[in-house]
């Protein structure tokens, strides 16, 4: 029996839809390959294509070179060690003065714990960096990490939120507030210059204009409460600053007279208007360059 015109039209229409679907499949980006965590101990998260890029050589400072932060160093290392062993541990917020080694300590603690795990022939802890601008993708990253057998420190450097920024809600939900919450194999570390992650003038403005001043800032301030471990970094004294300089000079075997070193280092800090680990490292870089001494390891400046 010959096909009717309507049947022919439907067949042509179906064939056209198949061609369109095939063309869309060709245009669609390829599905992201599952992460291969065995290739590295550190990764950077790229949410646009759900990609974790391995970092072969992490830019970090040796733990011994971080001066004046002994108490917070011990607390963070102990917390990280407990987590690596599968014991209860807290999310950590490292807050305070610029250049005093907050992010350097996170990376150094990760290296120290992995060295201990390697000695015990245990699987290494993985460090994953998520950029501040991509914090809204944190739930997606957590979903990717949840089924993995490895354990992860997810790290965000220089975390803070401005008045109109609502991405902090994604972080709150992941840390404690959501239905799923933080996966058992993930812990979150963040550094910030702000104790409550929001600017003080914003908090004061909301208090002054709200009907209930306490409720006005409670939602934003409660974000920092999700961090069970608060580690404060304060501006260093002159003696601590000089100890930082001495530590770098000794580590790199830079030949320079101690008396001249102290005087120059203090003058350098005066011109910068601050004393910190970062300023100490910048002075040592300048000194090594003037003396023609290569800094072989080239550690990251404390942050």
C-alpha atoms as a PDB file:
ATOM      1  CA  UNK A   1       0.000   0.000   0.000  1.00  0.00           C
ATOM      2  CA  UNK A   2       1.573   3.375  -0.992  1.00  0.00           C
ATOM      3  CA  UNK A   3       2.530   5.744   1.825  1.00  0.00           C
ATOM      4  CA  UNK A   4       0.334   8.780   2.321  1.00  0.00           C
ATOM      5  CA  UNK A   5       1.698  12.282   2.021  1.00  0.00           C
ATOM      6  CA  UNK A   6       1.463  12.745   5.799  1.00  0.00           C
ATOM      7  CA  UNK A   7       3.568   9.600   6.385  1.00  0.00           C
ATOM      8  CA  UNK A   8       6.192  10.872   3.950  1.00  0.00           C
ATOM      9  CA  UNK A   9       6.273  14.268   5.646  1.00  0.00           C
ATOM     10  CA  UNK A  10       6.665  12.659   9.071  1.00  0.00           C
ATOM     11  CA  UNK A  11       9.529  10.463   7.865  1.00  0.00           C
ATOM     12  CA  UNK A  12      11.296  13.491   6.378  1.00  0.00           C
ATOM     13  CA  UNK A  13      10.733  15.434   9.583  1.00  0.00           C
ATOM     14  CA  UNK A  14      12.134  12.586  11.712  1.00  0.00           C
ATOM     15  CA  UNK A  15      15.196  12.336   9.451  1.00  0.00           C
ATOM     16  CA  UNK A  16      15.769  16.085   9.797  1.00  0.00           C
ATOM     17  CA  UNK A  17      15.544  15.865  13.598  1.00  0.00           C
ATOM     18  CA  UNK A  18      18.127  13.075  13.579  1.00  0.00           C
ATOM     19  CA  UNK A  19      20.508  15.224  11.522  1.00  0.00           C
ATOM     20  CA  UNK A  20      20.024  18.166  13.913  1.00  0.00           C
ATOM     21  CA  UNK A  21      20.645  15.947  16.939  1.00  0.00           C
ATOM     22  CA  UNK A  22      23.805  14.551  15.349  1.00  0.00           C
ATOM     23  CA  UNK A  23      25.052  18.073  14.602  1.00  0.00           C
ATOM     24  CA  UNK A  24      24.426  19.163  18.181  1.00  0.00           C
ATOM     25  CA  UNK A  25      26.314  16.135  19.461  1.00  0.00           C
ATOM     26  CA  UNK A  26      29.301  17.121  17.335  1.00  0.00           C
ATOM     27  CA  UNK A  27      29.166  20.703  18.646  1.00  0.00           C
ATOM     28  CA  UNK A  28      28.840  19.702  22.294  1.00  0.00           C
ATOM     29  CA  UNK A  29      32.089  19.705  24.299  1.00  0.00           C
ATOM     30  CA  UNK A  30      33.412  16.253  25.091  1.00  0.00           C
ATOM     31  CA  UNK A  31      32.446  14.876  28.490  1.00  0.00           C
ATOM     32  CA  UNK A  32      35.141  15.521  31.076  1.00  0.00           C
ATOM     33  CA  UNK A  33      37.305  12.530  31.837  1.00  0.00           C
ATOM     34  CA  UNK A  34      37.115  11.239  35.413  1.00  0.00           C
ATOM     35  CA  UNK A  35      39.847  12.737  37.608  1.00  0.00           C
ATOM     36  CA  UNK A  36      43.054  10.744  37.949  1.00  0.00           C
ATOM     37  CA  UNK A  37      44.106  11.523  41.496  1.00  0.00           C
ATOM     38  CA  UNK A  38      47.107   9.199  41.378  1.00  0.00           C
ATOM     39  CA  UNK A  39      49.052  11.487  39.025  1.00  0.00           C
ATOM     40  CA  UNK A  40      49.675  14.251  41.612  1.00  0.00           C
ATOM     41  CA  UNK A  41      49.114  15.316  45.200  1.00  0.00           C
ATOM     42  CA  UNK A  42      47.794  18.789  44.295  1.00  0.00           C
ATOM     43  CA  UNK A  43      45.211  20.014  41.790  1.00  0.00           C
ATOM     44  CA  UNK A  44      43.499  23.222  40.647  1.00  0.00           C
ATOM     45  CA  UNK A  45      39.730  23.138  40.077  1.00  0.00           C
ATOM     46  CA  UNK A  46      38.322  24.511  36.796  1.00  0.00           C
ATOM     47  CA  UNK A  47      34.514  24.398  37.023  1.00  0.00           C
ATOM     48  CA  UNK A  48      33.778  25.476  33.443  1.00  0.00           C
ATOM     49  CA  UNK A  49      34.634  22.001  32.174  1.00  0.00           C
ATOM     50  CA  UNK A  50      34.637  20.142  35.514  1.00  0.00           C
ATOM     51  CA  UNK A  51      38.404  19.684  35.288  1.00  0.00           C
ATOM     52  CA  UNK A  52      41.005  19.132  37.982  1.00  0.00           C
ATOM     53  CA  UNK A  53      44.425  20.089  36.635  1.00  0.00           C
ATOM     54  CA  UNK A  54      47.334  18.338  38.388  1.00  0.00           C
ATOM     55  CA  UNK A  55      50.098  20.507  39.867  1.00  0.00           C
ATOM     56  CA  UNK A  56      53.397  18.689  39.665  1.00  0.00           C
ATOM     57  CA  UNK A  57      55.422  21.199  41.697  1.00  0.00           C
ATOM     58  CA  UNK A  58      53.548  23.114  44.388  1.00  0.00           C
ATOM     59  CA  UNK A  59      54.874  26.624  45.028  1.00  0.00           C
ATOM     60  CA  UNK A  60      55.503  26.385  48.778  1.00  0.00           C
ATOM     61  CA  UNK A  61      57.794  27.412  51.621  1.00  0.00           C
ATOM     62  CA  UNK A  62      59.539  24.890  53.834  1.00  0.00           C
ATOM     63  CA  UNK A  63      57.854  24.661  57.237  1.00  0.00           C
ATOM     64  CA  UNK A  64      61.110  25.539  59.017  1.00  0.00           C
ATOM     65  CA  UNK A  65      61.177  28.945  57.301  1.00  0.00           C
ATOM     66  CA  UNK A  66      57.811  30.040  58.719  1.00  0.00           C
ATOM     67  CA  UNK A  67      58.714  31.999  61.850  1.00  0.00           C
ATOM     68  CA  UNK A  68      56.600  33.555  64.581  1.00  0.00           C
ATOM     69  CA  UNK A  69      53.532  31.342  64.015  1.00  0.00           C
ATOM     70  CA  UNK A  70      54.455  28.294  66.088  1.00  0.00           C
ATOM     71  CA  UNK A  71      51.102  27.919  67.863  1.00  0.00           C
ATOM     72  CA  UNK A  72      48.888  28.179  64.780  1.00  0.00           C
ATOM     73  CA  UNK A  73      51.345  25.975  62.875  1.00  0.00           C
ATOM     74  CA  UNK A  74      51.018  23.178  65.429  1.00  0.00           C
ATOM     75  CA  UNK A  75      47.223  23.476  65.535  1.00  0.00           C
ATOM     76  CA  UNK A  76      46.829  23.284  61.767  1.00  0.00           C
ATOM     77  CA  UNK A  77      49.270  20.386  61.364  1.00  0.00           C
ATOM     78  CA  UNK A  78      47.550  18.421  64.144  1.00  0.00           C
ATOM     79  CA  UNK A  79      44.120  19.054  62.607  1.00  0.00           C
ATOM     80  CA  UNK A  80      45.370  17.967  59.182  1.00  0.00           C
ATOM     81  CA  UNK A  81      47.024  14.846  60.595  1.00  0.00           C
ATOM     82  CA  UNK A  82      43.790  13.791  62.306  1.00  0.00           C
ATOM     83  CA  UNK A  83      41.848  14.252  59.106  1.00  0.00           C
ATOM     84  CA  UNK A  84      44.418  12.281  57.107  1.00  0.00           C
ATOM     85  CA  UNK A  85      44.041   9.374  59.561  1.00  0.00           C
ATOM     86  CA  UNK A  86      40.265   9.376  59.143  1.00  0.00           C
ATOM     87  CA  UNK A  87      39.588  10.973  62.539  1.00  0.00           C
ATOM     88  CA  UNK A  88      37.248  13.921  63.201  1.00  0.00           C
ATOM     89  CA  UNK A  89      38.749  17.280  62.202  1.00  0.00           C
ATOM     90  CA  UNK A  90      37.531  20.844  61.659  1.00  0.00           C
ATOM     91  CA  UNK A  91      37.322  23.166  58.693  1.00  0.00           C
ATOM     92  CA  UNK A  92      39.932  25.881  59.266  1.00  0.00           C
ATOM     93  CA  UNK A  93      39.895  29.640  58.694  1.00  0.00           C
ATOM     94  CA  UNK A  94      43.321  31.293  58.743  1.00  0.00           C
ATOM     95  CA  UNK A  95      42.725  35.009  59.120  1.00  0.00           C
ATOM     96  CA  UNK A  96      44.675  38.133  59.924  1.00  0.00           C
ATOM     97  CA  UNK A  97      47.601  40.284  58.834  1.00  0.00           C
ATOM     98  CA  UNK A  98      48.824  40.208  55.255  1.00  0.00           C
ATOM     99  CA  UNK A  99      52.080  38.477  54.414  1.00  0.00           C
ATOM    100  CA  UNK A 100      52.327  36.468  57.636  1.00  0.00           C
ATOM    101  CA  UNK A 101      52.260  33.028  56.032  1.00  0.00           C
ATOM    102  CA  UNK A 102      48.602  31.984  55.997  1.00  0.00           C
ATOM    103  CA  UNK A 103      48.487  30.262  52.617  1.00  0.00           C
ATOM    104  CA  UNK A 104      52.135  29.222  52.954  1.00  0.00           C
ATOM    105  CA  UNK A 105      51.228  27.375  56.147  1.00  0.00           C
ATOM    106  CA  UNK A 106      48.377  25.479  54.455  1.00  0.00           C
ATOM    107  CA  UNK A 107      50.705  24.237  51.725  1.00  0.00           C
ATOM    108  CA  UNK A 108      53.521  23.490  54.168  1.00  0.00           C
ATOM    109  CA  UNK A 109      51.177  21.546  56.472  1.00  0.00           C
ATOM    110  CA  UNK A 110      49.986  19.502  53.498  1.00  0.00           C
ATOM    111  CA  UNK A 111      53.598  18.649  52.600  1.00  0.00           C
ATOM    112  CA  UNK A 112      54.530  17.786  56.201  1.00  0.00           C
ATOM    113  CA  UNK A 113      51.543  15.494  56.671  1.00  0.00           C
ATOM    114  CA  UNK A 114      52.193  13.757  53.356  1.00  0.00           C
ATOM    115  CA  UNK A 115      55.814  13.181  54.334  1.00  0.00           C
ATOM    116  CA  UNK A 116      54.605  11.436  57.508  1.00  0.00           C
ATOM    117  CA  UNK A 117      52.070   9.408  55.530  1.00  0.00           C
ATOM    118  CA  UNK A 118      54.744   8.333  53.065  1.00  0.00           C
ATOM    119  CA  UNK A 119      56.919   7.146  55.963  1.00  0.00           C
ATOM    120  CA  UNK A 120      54.007   5.052  57.200  1.00  0.00           C
ATOM    121  CA  UNK A 121      53.358   3.814  53.629  1.00  0.00           C
ATOM    122  CA  UNK A 122      49.864   5.304  53.598  1.00  0.00           C
ATOM    123  CA  UNK A 123      48.023   7.029  50.755  1.00  0.00           C
ATOM    124  CA  UNK A 124      48.825  10.751  50.430  1.00  0.00           C
ATOM    125  CA  UNK A 125      46.422  13.560  51.199  1.00  0.00           C
ATOM    126  CA  UNK A 126      45.330  15.535  48.132  1.00  0.00           C
ATOM    127  CA  UNK A 127      45.285  19.357  48.050  1.00  0.00           C
ATOM    128  CA  UNK A 128      42.759  21.034  45.746  1.00  0.00           C
ATOM    129  CA  UNK A 129      42.734  24.790  45.197  1.00  0.00           C
ATOM    130  CA  UNK A 130      39.477  26.529  44.320  1.00  0.00           C
ATOM    131  CA  UNK A 131      39.641  30.181  43.314  1.00  0.00           C
ATOM    132  CA  UNK A 132      37.597  32.769  45.170  1.00  0.00           C
ATOM    133  CA  UNK A 133      35.678  33.696  42.007  1.00  0.00           C
ATOM    134  CA  UNK A 134      34.530  30.093  41.588  1.00  0.00           C
ATOM    135  CA  UNK A 135      33.250  29.452  45.107  1.00  0.00           C
ATOM    136  CA  UNK A 136      29.702  29.000  43.775  1.00  0.00           C
ATOM    137  CA  UNK A 137      30.908  25.814  42.071  1.00  0.00           C
ATOM    138  CA  UNK A 138      31.942  24.314  45.409  1.00  0.00           C
ATOM    139  CA  UNK A 139      28.879  22.005  45.643  1.00  0.00           C
ATOM    140  CA  UNK A 140      29.744  20.632  42.196  1.00  0.00           C
ATOM    141  CA  UNK A 141      33.332  19.994  43.277  1.00  0.00           C
ATOM    142  CA  UNK A 142      32.165  18.260  46.434  1.00  0.00           C
ATOM    143  CA  UNK A 143      29.901  15.990  44.402  1.00  0.00           C
ATOM    144  CA  UNK A 144      32.911  15.056  42.268  1.00  0.00           C
ATOM    145  CA  UNK A 145      35.081  14.255  45.300  1.00  0.00           C
ATOM    146  CA  UNK A 146      32.464  12.453  47.396  1.00  0.00           C
ATOM    147  CA  UNK A 147      32.774   9.000  45.753  1.00  0.00           C
ATOM    148  CA  UNK A 148      36.599   9.044  45.606  1.00  0.00           C
ATOM    149  CA  UNK A 149      38.622   6.845  47.942  1.00  0.00           C
ATOM    150  CA  UNK A 150      41.227   9.577  48.520  1.00  0.00           C
ATOM    151  CA  UNK A 151      41.027  12.265  51.187  1.00  0.00           C
ATOM    152  CA  UNK A 152      41.113  15.941  50.188  1.00  0.00           C
ATOM    153  CA  UNK A 153      41.947  19.359  51.600  1.00  0.00           C
ATOM    154  CA  UNK A 154      40.004  21.883  49.516  1.00  0.00           C
ATOM    155  CA  UNK A 155      41.772  25.235  49.832  1.00  0.00           C
ATOM    156  CA  UNK A 156      40.596  28.758  48.952  1.00  0.00           C
ATOM    157  CA  UNK A 157      43.096  31.589  49.289  1.00  0.00           C
ATOM    158  CA  UNK A 158      42.080  35.174  50.126  1.00  0.00           C
ATOM    159  CA  UNK A 159      38.418  34.369  50.695  1.00  0.00           C
ATOM    160  CA  UNK A 160      36.094  37.305  51.360  1.00  0.00           C
ATOM    161  CA  UNK A 161      32.664  38.573  50.328  1.00  0.00           C
ATOM    162  CA  UNK A 162      31.406  42.031  49.436  1.00  0.00           C
ATOM    163  CA  UNK A 163      28.033  43.600  50.136  1.00  0.00           C
ATOM    164  CA  UNK A 164      26.184  42.365  47.036  1.00  0.00           C
ATOM    165  CA  UNK A 165      27.908  38.979  46.877  1.00  0.00           C
ATOM    166  CA  UNK A 166      25.621  36.032  47.603  1.00  0.00           C
ATOM    167  CA  UNK A 167      28.039  33.234  46.676  1.00  0.00           C
ATOM    168  CA  UNK A 168      28.799  32.769  50.375  1.00  0.00           C
ATOM    169  CA  UNK A 169      25.534  30.816  50.598  1.00  0.00           C
ATOM    170  CA  UNK A 170      27.064  28.003  48.526  1.00  0.00           C
ATOM    171  CA  UNK A 171      29.933  27.783  50.982  1.00  0.00           C
ATOM    172  CA  UNK A 172      27.619  27.772  54.006  1.00  0.00           C
ATOM    173  CA  UNK A 173      25.556  24.936  52.568  1.00  0.00           C
ATOM    174  CA  UNK A 174      28.616  22.824  51.816  1.00  0.00           C
ATOM    175  CA  UNK A 175      30.326  23.355  55.159  1.00  0.00           C
ATOM    176  CA  UNK A 176      27.393  22.454  57.389  1.00  0.00           C
ATOM    177  CA  UNK A 177      24.023  23.761  56.317  1.00  0.00           C
ATOM    178  CA  UNK A 178      23.032  21.626  53.331  1.00  0.00           C
ATOM    179  CA  UNK A 179      21.258  18.289  53.266  1.00  0.00           C
ATOM    180  CA  UNK A 180      24.366  16.437  52.130  1.00  0.00           C
ATOM    181  CA  UNK A 181      26.888  18.676  53.871  1.00  0.00           C
ATOM    182  CA  UNK A 182      30.614  18.216  53.564  1.00  0.00           C
ATOM    183  CA  UNK A 183      31.728  14.773  52.389  1.00  0.00           C
ATOM    184  CA  UNK A 184      33.568  12.690  54.988  1.00  0.00           C
ATOM    185  CA  UNK A 185      36.669  12.610  52.787  1.00  0.00           C
ATOM    186  CA  UNK A 186      36.880  16.408  52.365  1.00  0.00           C
ATOM    187  CA  UNK A 187      37.961  19.228  54.653  1.00  0.00           C
ATOM    188  CA  UNK A 188      37.896  22.928  53.762  1.00  0.00           C
ATOM    189  CA  UNK A 189      40.693  25.416  54.551  1.00  0.00           C
ATOM    190  CA  UNK A 190      40.471  29.121  53.718  1.00  0.00           C
ATOM    191  CA  UNK A 191      42.644  32.176  54.265  1.00  0.00           C
ATOM    192  CA  UNK A 192      41.329  35.707  54.638  1.00  0.00           C
ATOM    193  CA  UNK A 193      42.371  39.109  55.906  1.00  0.00           C
ATOM    194  CA  UNK A 194      38.902  39.374  57.506  1.00  0.00           C
ATOM    195  CA  UNK A 195      37.878  37.412  60.570  1.00  0.00           C
ATOM    196  CA  UNK A 196      34.222  37.259  59.530  1.00  0.00           C
ATOM    197  CA  UNK A 197      34.908  37.212  55.750  1.00  0.00           C
ATOM    198  CA  UNK A 198      32.875  40.400  55.215  1.00  0.00           C
ATOM    199  CA  UNK A 199      34.055  44.037  55.481  1.00  0.00           C
ATOM    200  CA  UNK A 200      33.544  45.725  58.838  1.00  0.00           C
ATOM    201  CA  UNK A 201      31.904  48.805  57.285  1.00  0.00           C
ATOM    202  CA  UNK A 202      29.280  46.591  55.639  1.00  0.00           C
ATOM    203  CA  UNK A 203      28.440  44.963  58.965  1.00  0.00           C
ATOM    204  CA  UNK A 204      28.199  48.333  60.721  1.00  0.00           C
ATOM    205  CA  UNK A 205      26.026  49.764  57.935  1.00  0.00           C
ATOM    206  CA  UNK A 206      23.589  46.852  58.108  1.00  0.00           C
ATOM    207  CA  UNK A 207      23.395  47.160  61.893  1.00  0.00           C
ATOM    208  CA  UNK A 208      22.594  50.866  61.671  1.00  0.00           C
ATOM    209  CA  UNK A 209      19.859  50.539  59.008  1.00  0.00           C
ATOM    210  CA  UNK A 210      18.141  47.301  60.047  1.00  0.00           C
ATOM    211  CA  UNK A 211      15.041  46.999  62.216  1.00  0.00           C
ATOM    212  CA  UNK A 212      16.760  44.201  64.103  1.00  0.00           C
ATOM    213  CA  UNK A 213      20.506  44.951  63.980  1.00  0.00           C
ATOM    214  CA  UNK A 214      21.473  41.524  65.282  1.00  0.00           C
ATOM    215  CA  UNK A 215      19.593  39.644  62.570  1.00  0.00           C
ATOM    216  CA  UNK A 216      20.897  41.951  59.845  1.00  0.00           C
ATOM    217  CA  UNK A 217      24.421  40.568  59.964  1.00  0.00           C
ATOM    218  CA  UNK A 218      23.749  37.149  61.477  1.00  0.00           C
ATOM    219  CA  UNK A 219      23.487  35.403  58.110  1.00  0.00           C
ATOM    220  CA  UNK A 220      26.863  36.648  56.875  1.00  0.00           C
ATOM    221  CA  UNK A 221      28.684  36.353  60.195  1.00  0.00           C
ATOM    222  CA  UNK A 222      27.397  32.808  60.647  1.00  0.00           C
ATOM    223  CA  UNK A 223      29.547  31.769  57.705  1.00  0.00           C
ATOM    224  CA  UNK A 224      32.733  32.084  59.747  1.00  0.00           C
ATOM    225  CA  UNK A 225      31.074  30.034  62.484  1.00  0.00           C
ATOM    226  CA  UNK A 226      31.118  27.080  60.089  1.00  0.00           C
ATOM    227  CA  UNK A 227      34.879  26.952  60.583  1.00  0.00           C
ATOM    228  CA  UNK A 228      35.590  25.033  63.773  1.00  0.00           C
ATOM    229  CA  UNK A 229      39.229  26.091  63.784  1.00  0.00           C
ATOM    230  CA  UNK A 230      40.049  29.811  63.741  1.00  0.00           C
ATOM    231  CA  UNK A 231      43.744  30.607  63.453  1.00  0.00           C
ATOM    232  CA  UNK A 232      44.733  34.259  63.895  1.00  0.00           C
ATOM    233  CA  UNK A 233      47.850  35.772  62.289  1.00  0.00           C
ATOM    234  CA  UNK A 234      49.058  39.051  63.732  1.00  0.00           C
ATOM    235  CA  UNK A 235      51.713  41.529  62.689  1.00  0.00           C
ATOM    236  CA  UNK A 236      55.160  40.395  63.715  1.00  0.00           C
ATOM    237  CA  UNK A 237      57.517  42.141  66.096  1.00  0.00           C
ATOM    238  CA  UNK A 238      60.899  43.479  65.033  1.00  0.00           C
ATOM    239  CA  UNK A 239      62.649  40.441  66.540  1.00  0.00           C
ATOM    240  CA  UNK A 240      60.329  38.035  64.698  1.00  0.00           C
ATOM    241  CA  UNK A 241      60.882  39.893  61.430  1.00  0.00           C
ATOM    242  CA  UNK A 242      64.667  39.700  61.824  1.00  0.00           C
ATOM    243  CA  UNK A 243      64.365  36.001  62.683  1.00  0.00           C
ATOM    244  CA  UNK A 244      62.540  35.489  59.382  1.00  0.00           C
ATOM    245  CA  UNK A 245      65.311  37.247  57.487  1.00  0.00           C
ATOM    246  CA  UNK A 246      67.981  35.248  59.335  1.00  0.00           C
ATOM    247  CA  UNK A 247      66.136  32.021  58.549  1.00  0.00           C
ATOM    248  CA  UNK A 248      66.100  32.707  54.809  1.00  0.00           C
ATOM    249  CA  UNK A 249      69.727  33.837  54.751  1.00  0.00           C
ATOM    250  CA  UNK A 250      70.881  30.730  56.625  1.00  0.00           C
ATOM    251  CA  UNK A 251      68.734  28.394  54.497  1.00  0.00           C
ATOM    252  CA  UNK A 252      70.207  29.711  51.249  1.00  0.00           C
ATOM    253  CA  UNK A 253      73.712  30.167  52.685  1.00  0.00           C
ATOM    254  CA  UNK A 254      73.888  33.832  51.695  1.00  0.00           C
ATOM    255  CA  UNK A 255      77.208  35.245  52.915  1.00  0.00           C
ATOM    256  CA  UNK A 256      76.507  38.556  54.606  1.00  0.00           C
ATOM    257  CA  UNK A 257      77.616  40.241  57.833  1.00  0.00           C
ATOM    258  CA  UNK A 258      75.006  39.888  60.592  1.00  0.00           C
ATOM    259  CA  UNK A 259      75.222  43.518  61.720  1.00  0.00           C
ATOM    260  CA  UNK A 260      74.765  44.873  58.192  1.00  0.00           C
ATOM    261  CA  UNK A 261      71.990  42.360  57.563  1.00  0.00           C
ATOM    262  CA  UNK A 262      69.851  43.533  60.483  1.00  0.00           C
ATOM    263  CA  UNK A 263      70.299  47.222  59.652  1.00  0.00           C
ATOM    264  CA  UNK A 264      69.458  46.737  55.984  1.00  0.00           C
ATOM    265  CA  UNK A 265      66.477  44.489  56.703  1.00  0.00           C
ATOM    266  CA  UNK A 266      64.973  47.038  59.095  1.00  0.00           C
ATOM    267  CA  UNK A 267      65.505  49.849  56.596  1.00  0.00           C
ATOM    268  CA  UNK A 268      63.804  47.740  53.933  1.00  0.00           C
ATOM    269  CA  UNK A 269      60.786  47.172  56.212  1.00  0.00           C
ATOM    270  CA  UNK A 270      60.603  50.895  56.977  1.00  0.00           C
ATOM    271  CA  UNK A 271      60.407  51.758  53.281  1.00  0.00           C
ATOM    272  CA  UNK A 272      57.603  49.220  52.863  1.00  0.00           C
ATOM    273  CA  UNK A 273      55.728  50.469  55.922  1.00  0.00           C
ATOM    274  CA  UNK A 274      55.311  46.961  57.303  1.00  0.00           C
ATOM    275  CA  UNK A 275      57.086  43.994  58.855  1.00  0.00           C
ATOM    276  CA  UNK A 276      55.947  40.563  57.690  1.00  0.00           C
ATOM    277  CA  UNK A 277      57.175  37.292  56.274  1.00  0.00           C
ATOM    278  CA  UNK A 278      56.479  38.549  52.768  1.00  0.00           C
ATOM    279  CA  UNK A 279      58.538  41.696  53.315  1.00  0.00           C
ATOM    280  CA  UNK A 280      61.373  39.583  54.781  1.00  0.00           C
ATOM    281  CA  UNK A 281      61.371  37.340  51.716  1.00  0.00           C
ATOM    282  CA  UNK A 282      61.335  40.325  49.345  1.00  0.00           C
ATOM    283  CA  UNK A 283      64.359  41.776  51.136  1.00  0.00           C
ATOM    284  CA  UNK A 284      66.208  38.449  50.906  1.00  0.00           C
ATOM    285  CA  UNK A 285      65.443  38.244  47.180  1.00  0.00           C
ATOM    286  CA  UNK A 286      66.912  41.709  46.708  1.00  0.00           C
ATOM    287  CA  UNK A 287      69.970  40.841  48.822  1.00  0.00           C
ATOM    288  CA  UNK A 288      70.613  37.596  46.944  1.00  0.00           C
ATOM    289  CA  UNK A 289      70.275  39.389  43.617  1.00  0.00           C
ATOM    290  CA  UNK A 290      72.807  42.060  44.618  1.00  0.00           C
ATOM    291  CA  UNK A 291      75.262  39.407  45.798  1.00  0.00           C
ATOM    292  CA  UNK A 292      74.715  37.174  42.782  1.00  0.00           C
ATOM    293  CA  UNK A 293      73.508  34.246  44.902  1.00  0.00           C
ATOM    294  CA  UNK A 294      70.925  32.018  43.154  1.00  0.00           C
ATOM    295  CA  UNK A 295      67.956  30.946  45.234  1.00  0.00           C
ATOM    296  CA  UNK A 296      67.692  27.384  43.976  1.00  0.00           C
ATOM    297  CA  UNK A 297      64.398  26.330  45.550  1.00  0.00           C
ATOM    298  CA  UNK A 298      62.718  29.724  45.057  1.00  0.00           C
ATOM    299  CA  UNK A 299      59.946  29.220  47.653  1.00  0.00           C
ATOM    300  CA  UNK A 300      56.774  31.227  47.508  1.00  0.00           C
ATOM    301  CA  UNK A 301      56.686  34.411  49.524  1.00  0.00           C
ATOM    302  CA  UNK A 302      54.597  33.967  52.694  1.00  0.00           C
ATOM    303  CA  UNK A 303      50.979  34.996  52.166  1.00  0.00           C
END
